[in-house]
Amino acid sequence: MSDLPPEKAKAYWAKTSGLMWTMLAIWFFFSFVVHFFAPSLNAIKIIGFPFGFYMAAQGSLIAFVVAIFWYAKRQNAIDEEFGVAED
């Protein structure tokens, strides 16, 4: 990235930083918000398990894995857009 002109480096960092904050918001939601509401969701049963338990124990993990792949794909697109992608 050191080869980028300053204005292009600033635009690159703005996009990368925006993606980082988006990922932080997703992480916060699935780490804290879902777990906060889990007890109230336990009235709903899915395959015999309380829905709140499922969302806290399994749903969050699935969301994290999906978020990791989405983040990698999106960051790669940003890198390619600015010509700093790895081979």
Protein backbone atom coordinates (compact mmCIF):
# COMPACT_ATOMS: atom_id res chain seq x y z
CA MET A 1 0.00 0.00 0.00
CA SER A 2 2.98 2.30 0.37
CA ASP A 3 3.04 2.62 -3.44
CA LEU A 4 -0.39 4.25 -3.49
CA PRO A 5 -0.68 8.01 -3.89
CA PRO A 6 -1.85 9.68 -0.65
CA GLU A 7 -5.38 10.39 -1.90
CA LYS A 8 -5.82 6.81 -3.10
CA ALA A 9 -4.35 5.46 0.16
CA LYS A 10 -6.85 7.59 2.09
CA ALA A 11 -9.76 6.21 0.01
CA TYR A 12 -8.45 2.67 0.50
CA TRP A 13 -8.27 3.14 4.26
CA ALA A 14 -11.77 4.67 4.33
CA LYS A 15 -13.22 1.56 2.65
CA THR A 16 -11.18 -0.84 4.76
CA SER A 17 -12.09 1.03 7.94
CA GLY A 18 -15.78 1.03 7.00
CA LEU A 19 -15.65 -2.72 6.46
CA MET A 20 -13.90 -3.15 9.81
CA TRP A 21 -16.61 -1.17 11.64
CA THR A 22 -19.32 -3.18 9.87
CA MET A 23 -17.68 -6.41 11.00
CA LEU A 24 -17.40 -5.06 14.54
CA ALA A 25 -21.14 -4.27 14.53
CA ILE A 26 -21.95 -7.78 13.26
CA TRP A 27 -19.70 -9.30 15.92
CA PHE A 28 -21.31 -7.19 18.65
CA PHE A 29 -24.83 -8.11 17.53
CA PHE A 30 -24.20 -11.86 17.47
CA SER A 31 -22.02 -11.82 20.60
CA PHE A 32 -24.18 -9.71 22.90
CA VAL A 33 -27.58 -8.72 21.46
CA VAL A 34 -28.65 -12.24 20.47
CA HIS A 35 -27.52 -13.62 23.82
CA PHE A 36 -29.32 -10.84 25.69
CA PHE A 37 -32.64 -11.85 24.09
CA ALA A 38 -32.01 -15.62 24.26
CA PRO A 39 -34.07 -16.22 27.44
CA SER A 40 -37.14 -14.55 25.93
CA LEU A 41 -36.81 -16.70 22.79
CA ASN A 42 -36.80 -19.95 24.78
CA ALA A 43 -40.60 -20.19 24.56
CA ILE A 44 -40.20 -21.20 20.90
CA LYS A 45 -39.06 -24.80 20.39
CA ILE A 46 -37.22 -26.13 17.33
CA ILE A 47 -36.61 -29.90 17.17
CA GLY A 48 -37.13 -30.02 20.90
CA PHE A 49 -34.53 -27.35 21.70
CA PRO A 50 -35.40 -23.87 22.95
CA PHE A 51 -34.92 -21.33 20.15
CA GLY A 52 -32.93 -18.99 22.40
CA PHE A 53 -30.49 -21.78 23.24
CA TYR A 54 -30.12 -22.66 19.56
CA MET A 55 -29.48 -19.05 18.54
CA ALA A 56 -26.97 -18.52 21.34
CA ALA A 57 -25.12 -21.82 20.97
CA GLN A 58 -25.34 -22.55 17.24
CA GLY A 59 -26.74 -19.54 15.42
CA SER A 60 -24.00 -17.19 16.56
CA LEU A 61 -21.27 -19.62 15.50
CA ILE A 62 -22.82 -20.02 12.07
CA ALA A 63 -23.10 -16.24 11.76
CA PHE A 64 -19.43 -15.81 12.70
CA VAL A 65 -18.25 -18.32 10.09
CA VAL A 66 -20.40 -16.71 7.40
CA ALA A 67 -19.13 -13.27 8.46
CA ILE A 68 -15.50 -14.41 8.17
CA PHE A 69 -15.98 -15.60 4.60
CA TRP A 70 -17.97 -12.48 3.67
CA TYR A 71 -15.27 -10.25 5.19
CA ALA A 72 -12.47 -12.02 3.30
CA LYS A 73 -14.35 -11.75 0.01
CA ARG A 74 -15.20 -8.09 0.55
CA GLN A 75 -11.67 -7.15 1.65
CA ASN A 76 -10.24 -8.94 -1.37
CA ALA A 77 -12.57 -6.93 -3.62
CA ILE A 78 -11.38 -3.69 -1.98
CA ASP A 79 -7.74 -4.77 -2.41
CA GLU A 80 -8.32 -5.55 -6.10
CA GLU A 81 -10.11 -2.23 -6.62
CA PHE A 82 -7.06 -0.35 -5.37
CA GLY A 83 -4.47 -2.64 -6.97
CA VAL A 84 -2.96 -3.97 -3.75
CA ALA A 85 -4.31 -7.54 -3.96
CA GLU A 86 -1.97 -10.44 -3.34
CA ASP A 87 -1.47 -13.07 -6.02
